[in-house]
Amino acid sequence: MNIHEYQAKELFAQFGVAVPKGVAVTSAAEFEGALAKIDTSGGIM
């Protein structure tokens, strides 16, 4: 099986495996929007 990291994270989360929260983006504009969704108060980005 050949899957991407984001797909593996979705599968793991469905089965209760802890995975880091994140958002996949493909442009600088999407990055700005994704930053607003991620809680950066307790970690390194």
C-alpha atoms as a PDB file:
ATOM      1  CA  MET A   1       0.000   0.000   0.000  1.00  0.00           C
ATOM      2  CA  ASN A   2       1.299   3.448  -0.878  1.00  0.00           C
ATOM      3  CA  ILE A   3      -0.381   6.309   0.983  1.00  0.00           C
ATOM      4  CA  HIS A   4       0.528   9.891   1.798  1.00  0.00           C
ATOM      5  CA  GLU A   5       1.274  11.098   5.317  1.00  0.00           C
ATOM      6  CA  TYR A   6      -1.983  13.058   5.576  1.00  0.00           C
ATOM      7  CA  GLN A   7      -3.934   9.930   4.612  1.00  0.00           C
ATOM      8  CA  ALA A   8      -2.133   7.856   7.224  1.00  0.00           C
ATOM      9  CA  LYS A   9      -2.888  10.475   9.882  1.00  0.00           C
ATOM     10  CA  GLU A  10      -6.587  10.351   9.006  1.00  0.00           C
ATOM     11  CA  LEU A  11      -6.605   6.554   9.285  1.00  0.00           C
ATOM     12  CA  PHE A  12      -4.744   6.578  12.598  1.00  0.00           C
ATOM     13  CA  ALA A  13      -7.104   9.200  14.041  1.00  0.00           C
ATOM     14  CA  GLN A  14     -10.131   7.101  13.042  1.00  0.00           C
ATOM     15  CA  PHE A  15      -8.778   4.251  15.152  1.00  0.00           C
ATOM     16  CA  GLY A  16      -7.859   6.355  18.181  1.00  0.00           C
ATOM     17  CA  VAL A  17      -4.130   6.732  17.566  1.00  0.00           C
ATOM     18  CA  ALA A  18      -2.813  10.114  18.700  1.00  0.00           C
ATOM     19  CA  VAL A  19      -1.508  12.160  15.775  1.00  0.00           C
ATOM     20  CA  PRO A  20      -0.201  15.732  15.631  1.00  0.00           C
ATOM     21  CA  LYS A  21      -2.728  18.244  14.396  1.00  0.00           C
ATOM     22  CA  GLY A  22      -1.898  19.908  11.110  1.00  0.00           C
ATOM     23  CA  VAL A  23      -3.259  21.134   7.823  1.00  0.00           C
ATOM     24  CA  ALA A  24      -1.992  20.430   4.309  1.00  0.00           C
ATOM     25  CA  VAL A  25      -1.649  23.536   2.111  1.00  0.00           C
ATOM     26  CA  THR A  26      -0.557  24.151  -1.462  1.00  0.00           C
ATOM     27  CA  SER A  27      -0.143  27.928  -1.540  1.00  0.00           C
ATOM     28  CA  ALA A  28       0.924  30.876   0.600  1.00  0.00           C
ATOM     29  CA  ALA A  29      -2.688  32.055   0.838  1.00  0.00           C
ATOM     30  CA  GLU A  30      -3.803  28.679   2.189  1.00  0.00           C
ATOM     31  CA  PHE A  31      -0.930  28.792   4.680  1.00  0.00           C
ATOM     32  CA  GLU A  32      -2.206  32.045   6.189  1.00  0.00           C
ATOM     33  CA  GLY A  33      -5.666  30.529   6.632  1.00  0.00           C
ATOM     34  CA  ALA A  34      -4.245  27.341   8.115  1.00  0.00           C
ATOM     35  CA  LEU A  35      -2.230  29.262  10.700  1.00  0.00           C
ATOM     36  CA  ALA A  36      -5.416  30.750  12.076  1.00  0.00           C
ATOM     37  CA  LYS A  37      -6.838  27.225  12.630  1.00  0.00           C
ATOM     38  CA  ILE A  38      -3.827  25.761  14.450  1.00  0.00           C
ATOM     39  CA  ASP A  39      -3.272  26.366  18.182  1.00  0.00           C
ATOM     40  CA  THR A  40       0.402  27.343  18.392  1.00  0.00           C
ATOM     41  CA  SER A  41       0.388  28.360  22.076  1.00  0.00           C
ATOM     42  CA  GLY A  42       1.846  25.112  23.370  1.00  0.00           C
ATOM     43  CA  GLY A  43       4.347  23.990  20.784  1.00  0.00           C
ATOM     44  CA  ILE A  44       6.950  24.682  18.178  1.00  0.00           C
ATOM     45  CA  MET A  45       5.993  25.498  14.640  1.00  0.00           C
END
